[in-house]
Amino acid sequence: MSLMKNHARARLDAGELALGFGVHHMRGSAVGMIAKATGFDWLFIDMEHGAMSVHEATQIAIAALGQGVTPIVRCCKDALFEGTRALDNGAMGVVVPHVDTVEEARMAAAAYRFPPVGTRSWGGPPFAYGMVPPDTAKAQEELNREILICAMIETPEAVANAHDIAAVPGIDSLMIGTSDLTASMGIAGQIGHPDVRAAYAKVADACKASGKVLGMGGVYDEVVAKDYIALGARFLLSGSDHAFLMAGAGSRAKFLRSLG
């Protein structure tokens, strides 16, 4: 069987927006189906802030592989090994938060690529191949090419180092974690602040210089989001399950109350 398609990467390779559905509270096999049915391309399975185990994250990922949406996990910065376990068990990408230096970017890239590009170990069921055992050498080459690795830029230090981080082979995207960036700049929540806009412009330039993709997280204001997408942001965390649920439920309750 051939390698499962990475729908996020396909969108990005076509120059389109890749829309991510944040998985924070939801569990179970229907998550990917819901995301696909509502127009999303990839799952942002959050093991940094979501209270889920690697087992729960990978069960969601395995189901998503056959649902037309690509599972990507976010591990903790100091738990890169959880990202490798996720990749061995269904995930097709990893987002690494708080990447501040080129050294940290190199560590992440090496952890998630097979030799000779990186140091990832070969093992685990071949979920990415529908459980049909692939040719090992061919599979490692294909996975090195298809897996998507994203470094999150969340501090002024990371912004200052963005050009060097973007130049690291094996890093595909630099996603600005806008909430943490504003907090670290002393302007928490001010996603449209001139200093944040300047940071987006600098990271966008770094991505363009190295042929990498600018990502955007933590921006849900429609005016500001439009501005950052205009700068080149295409790998987008579009929102999280609880926010979507609350918005839909709140709208429905407001409508029904209006009838009484």
Protein backbone atom coordinates (compact mmCIF):
# COMPACT_ATOMS: atom_id res chain seq x y z
CA MET A 1 0.00 0.00 0.00
CA SER A 2 1.20 3.53 -0.73
CA LEU A 3 1.91 6.15 1.90
CA MET A 4 -1.12 7.98 3.27
CA LYS A 5 -1.55 11.47 1.84
CA ASN A 6 -0.54 14.43 3.99
CA HIS A 7 -3.43 16.78 3.21
CA ALA A 8 -1.84 19.71 5.01
CA ARG A 9 1.35 19.42 2.99
CA ALA A 10 -0.62 19.02 -0.24
CA ARG A 11 -2.45 22.27 0.46
CA LEU A 12 0.80 24.06 1.26
CA ASP A 13 2.59 22.68 -1.79
CA ALA A 14 -0.28 24.04 -3.90
CA GLY A 15 0.15 27.49 -2.34
CA GLU A 16 -3.16 27.23 -0.49
CA LEU A 17 -4.20 27.65 3.14
CA ALA A 18 -3.95 24.52 5.31
CA LEU A 19 -6.61 24.82 8.02
CA GLY A 20 -5.99 23.12 11.35
CA PHE A 21 -8.69 21.96 13.77
CA GLY A 22 -7.42 22.17 17.36
CA VAL A 23 -8.05 19.05 19.45
CA HIS A 24 -7.89 19.94 23.14
CA HIS A 25 -10.86 18.32 24.91
CA MET A 26 -12.41 16.00 22.34
CA ARG A 27 -11.56 12.31 22.35
CA GLY A 28 -12.51 9.35 20.25
CA SER A 29 -12.58 8.23 16.65
CA ALA A 30 -15.07 10.83 15.38
CA VAL A 31 -12.77 13.85 15.81
CA GLY A 32 -11.17 13.62 12.39
CA MET A 33 -14.51 12.97 10.71
CA ILE A 34 -15.97 16.11 12.30
CA ALA A 35 -12.96 18.17 11.21
CA LYS A 36 -13.16 16.87 7.64
CA ALA A 37 -16.91 17.43 7.43
CA THR A 38 -16.49 21.06 8.50
CA GLY A 39 -13.79 21.91 5.97
CA PHE A 40 -10.48 21.41 7.80
CA ASP A 41 -7.31 19.83 6.43
CA TRP A 42 -5.42 18.75 9.53
CA LEU A 43 -5.82 18.07 13.23
CA PHE A 44 -3.73 19.98 15.76
CA ILE A 45 -3.67 17.30 18.48
CA ASP A 46 -2.47 19.23 21.50
CA MET A 47 -0.32 17.28 23.95
CA GLU A 48 1.22 20.49 25.32
CA HIS A 49 -1.95 22.06 26.75
CA GLY A 50 -4.51 19.31 26.24
CA ALA A 51 -4.81 16.75 29.05
CA MET A 52 -4.35 13.71 26.84
CA SER A 53 -1.92 10.82 26.79
CA VAL A 54 0.16 9.66 23.86
CA HIS A 55 -2.26 6.74 23.61
CA GLU A 56 -5.30 9.01 23.27
CA ALA A 57 -3.51 11.26 20.79
CA THR A 58 -2.48 8.35 18.60
CA GLN A 59 -5.91 6.74 18.65
CA ILE A 60 -7.29 10.01 17.26
CA ALA A 61 -4.45 10.08 14.73
CA ILE A 62 -4.96 6.49 13.53
CA ALA A 63 -8.66 7.12 12.94
CA ALA A 64 -7.96 10.40 11.13
CA LEU A 65 -5.69 8.72 8.58
CA GLY A 66 -8.72 7.13 6.97
CA GLN A 67 -11.00 10.16 7.34
CA GLY A 68 -9.40 12.53 4.85
CA VAL A 69 -7.77 14.79 7.42
CA THR A 70 -4.11 14.72 8.48
CA PRO A 71 -3.19 14.21 12.16
CA ILE A 72 -0.42 16.43 13.48
CA VAL A 73 0.53 16.49 17.17
CA ARG A 74 1.98 19.22 19.34
CA CYS A 75 4.31 17.78 21.95
CA CYS A 76 5.98 19.65 24.81
CA LYS A 77 9.30 21.31 24.05
CA ASP A 78 11.15 19.05 26.48
CA ALA A 79 9.31 15.89 25.39
CA LEU A 80 10.42 15.42 21.80
CA PHE A 81 10.25 11.66 22.42
CA GLU A 82 6.45 11.91 22.65
CA GLY A 83 6.48 13.30 19.12
CA THR A 84 8.46 10.34 17.82
CA ARG A 85 6.03 7.91 19.50
CA ALA A 86 3.14 9.78 17.90
CA LEU A 87 4.80 9.57 14.47
CA ASP A 88 5.29 5.83 14.96
CA ASN A 89 1.59 5.47 15.74
CA GLY A 90 -0.37 7.44 13.19
CA ALA A 91 0.69 11.09 13.26
CA MET A 92 1.95 12.71 10.07
CA GLY A 93 3.65 15.70 11.63
CA VAL A 94 4.82 17.37 14.83
CA VAL A 95 4.57 20.95 16.06
CA VAL A 96 7.31 21.82 18.57
CA PRO A 97 6.54 24.81 20.82
CA HIS A 98 8.94 27.45 22.15
CA VAL A 99 11.76 26.94 19.65
CA ASP A 100 14.00 29.89 20.51
CA THR A 101 17.36 29.00 18.97
CA VAL A 102 18.82 27.36 15.90
CA GLU A 103 20.22 24.60 18.12
CA GLU A 104 16.72 23.74 19.35
CA ALA A 105 15.44 23.73 15.77
CA ARG A 106 18.19 21.34 14.73
CA MET A 107 17.34 18.99 17.61
CA ALA A 108 13.69 18.88 16.56
CA ALA A 109 14.48 18.34 12.89
CA ALA A 110 16.91 15.52 13.69
CA ALA A 111 14.49 13.80 16.08
CA TYR A 112 11.78 13.46 13.44
CA ARG A 113 13.75 12.54 10.32
CA PHE A 114 15.29 9.16 9.54
CA PRO A 115 19.01 8.82 8.69
CA PRO A 116 20.89 10.13 6.91
CA VAL A 117 18.85 13.33 7.41
CA GLY A 118 18.18 12.82 11.12
CA THR A 119 18.30 10.33 13.97
CA ARG A 120 14.75 8.99 14.18
CA SER A 121 14.52 5.30 15.00
CA TRP A 122 12.61 2.92 12.72
CA GLY A 123 9.88 1.00 14.47
CA GLY A 124 6.22 0.69 15.30
CA PRO A 125 3.30 -0.49 13.15
CA PRO A 126 3.26 1.06 9.66
CA PHE A 127 0.03 3.00 10.15
CA ALA A 128 1.10 5.54 7.52
CA TYR A 129 1.02 2.64 5.04
CA GLY A 130 -2.31 1.19 6.11
CA MET A 131 -0.54 -1.54 8.11
CA VAL A 132 0.94 -3.07 4.94
CA PRO A 133 4.68 -3.49 5.63
CA PRO A 134 6.58 -1.19 3.26
CA ASP A 135 10.11 -1.45 1.93
CA THR A 136 12.09 0.05 4.80
CA ALA A 137 14.51 2.19 2.82
CA LYS A 138 11.79 3.50 0.53
CA ALA A 139 9.46 4.21 3.46
CA GLN A 140 12.10 6.17 5.35
CA GLU A 141 12.80 8.28 2.28
CA GLU A 142 9.08 8.90 1.68
CA LEU A 143 8.34 9.72 5.32
CA ASN A 144 11.27 12.12 5.50
CA ARG A 145 9.70 13.93 2.58
CA GLU A 146 6.05 13.77 3.67
CA ILE A 147 6.11 14.33 7.45
CA LEU A 148 5.59 17.99 8.37
CA ILE A 149 7.70 19.51 11.15
CA CYS A 150 6.80 22.94 12.50
CA ALA A 151 8.78 25.08 14.95
CA MET A 152 6.75 27.54 17.02
CA ILE A 153 8.09 31.08 17.43
CA GLU A 154 6.85 32.43 20.75
CA THR A 155 9.43 34.85 22.19
CA PRO A 156 11.39 37.92 21.05
CA GLU A 157 14.50 35.72 21.11
CA ALA A 158 12.88 33.33 18.65
CA VAL A 159 11.83 36.22 16.40
CA ALA A 160 15.40 37.53 16.44
CA ASN A 161 16.67 34.07 15.45
CA ALA A 162 13.93 33.40 12.88
CA HIS A 163 16.19 33.55 9.83
CA ASP A 164 18.57 30.96 11.29
CA ILE A 165 15.71 28.74 12.49
CA ALA A 166 14.01 28.85 9.10
CA ALA A 167 17.24 27.85 7.38
CA VAL A 168 17.47 24.55 9.31
CA PRO A 169 16.96 21.58 6.95
CA GLY A 170 14.03 19.45 8.06
CA ILE A 171 12.01 22.33 9.50
CA ASP A 172 9.05 22.92 7.19
CA SER A 173 7.19 25.73 8.91
CA LEU A 174 7.61 28.47 11.48
CA MET A 175 4.33 29.06 13.31
CA ILE A 176 4.00 32.16 15.45
CA GLY A 177 2.33 31.32 18.75
CA THR A 178 0.77 34.73 19.01
CA SER A 179 -0.66 34.41 22.53
CA ASP A 180 2.66 33.44 24.11
CA LEU A 181 4.55 35.93 21.95
CA THR A 182 2.41 38.82 23.18
CA ALA A 183 2.81 37.63 26.77
CA SER A 184 6.59 37.42 26.46
CA MET A 185 6.62 40.93 24.96
CA GLY A 186 4.66 42.34 27.88
CA ILE A 187 1.57 43.08 25.77
CA ALA A 188 -0.48 39.96 26.49
CA GLY A 189 -3.45 39.51 24.18
CA GLN A 190 -2.66 42.48 21.92
CA ILE A 191 -2.43 40.42 18.76
CA GLY A 192 -2.63 43.44 16.48
CA HIS A 193 -0.01 45.51 18.33
CA PRO A 194 2.60 47.16 16.07
CA ASP A 195 5.39 45.12 17.68
CA VAL A 196 3.51 41.90 16.93
CA ARG A 197 2.92 43.01 13.37
CA ALA A 198 6.64 43.70 13.06
CA ALA A 199 7.41 40.23 14.41
CA TYR A 200 5.08 38.65 11.85
CA ALA A 201 6.78 40.60 9.07
CA LYS A 202 10.24 39.49 10.22
CA VAL A 203 9.28 35.81 10.52
CA ALA A 204 7.49 36.00 7.16
CA ASP A 205 10.68 37.33 5.57
CA ALA A 206 12.68 34.52 7.20
CA CYS A 207 10.30 31.92 5.80
CA LYS A 208 10.43 33.41 2.31
CA ALA A 209 14.22 33.49 2.38
CA SER A 210 14.45 29.77 3.15
CA GLY A 211 11.40 28.52 1.27
CA LYS A 212 9.52 27.63 4.45
CA VAL A 213 5.86 28.15 5.36
CA LEU A 214 4.67 30.81 7.79
CA GLY A 215 2.21 29.48 10.35
CA MET A 216 -0.26 31.34 12.54
CA GLY A 217 -1.70 30.34 15.89
CA GLY A 218 -3.65 32.28 18.48
CA VAL A 219 -5.18 34.78 16.03
CA TYR A 220 -8.94 34.45 15.76
CA ASP A 221 -9.86 38.09 15.17
CA GLU A 222 -11.01 38.22 11.56
CA VAL A 223 -9.42 41.59 10.81
CA VAL A 224 -5.99 40.77 12.23
CA ALA A 225 -6.02 37.24 10.80
CA LYS A 226 -6.61 38.68 7.35
CA ASP A 227 -3.58 40.93 7.74
CA TYR A 228 -1.25 38.11 8.77
CA ILE A 229 -2.50 35.81 6.03
CA ALA A 230 -1.73 38.65 3.61
CA LEU A 231 1.86 38.54 4.91
CA GLY A 232 2.06 34.90 3.89
CA ALA A 233 0.68 32.82 6.76
CA ARG A 234 -0.73 29.59 5.31
CA PHE A 235 -0.30 26.87 7.95
CA LEU A 236 -3.13 27.95 10.21
CA LEU A 237 -4.37 26.82 13.59
CA SER A 238 -7.93 27.94 13.00
CA GLY A 239 -9.34 27.38 16.50
CA SER A 240 -9.90 24.69 19.10
CA ASP A 241 -12.69 22.20 19.71
CA HIS A 242 -13.96 23.88 22.88
CA ALA A 243 -14.10 27.29 21.20
CA PHE A 244 -15.99 25.85 18.22
CA LEU A 245 -18.42 24.07 20.53
CA MET A 246 -19.03 27.15 22.66
CA ALA A 247 -19.56 29.36 19.62
CA GLY A 248 -22.06 26.96 18.06
CA ALA A 249 -23.84 26.20 21.32
CA GLY A 250 -23.98 29.85 22.29
CA SER A 251 -25.41 30.84 18.94
CA ARG A 252 -28.07 28.13 19.15
CA ALA A 253 -29.06 29.05 22.70
CA LYS A 254 -29.31 32.73 21.78
CA PHE A 255 -31.56 31.89 18.83
CA LEU A 256 -33.88 29.70 20.87
CA ARG A 257 -34.07 32.24 23.71
CA SER A 258 -35.08 34.86 21.17
CA LEU A 259 -38.14 32.78 20.27
CA GLY A 260 -39.47 32.83 23.82
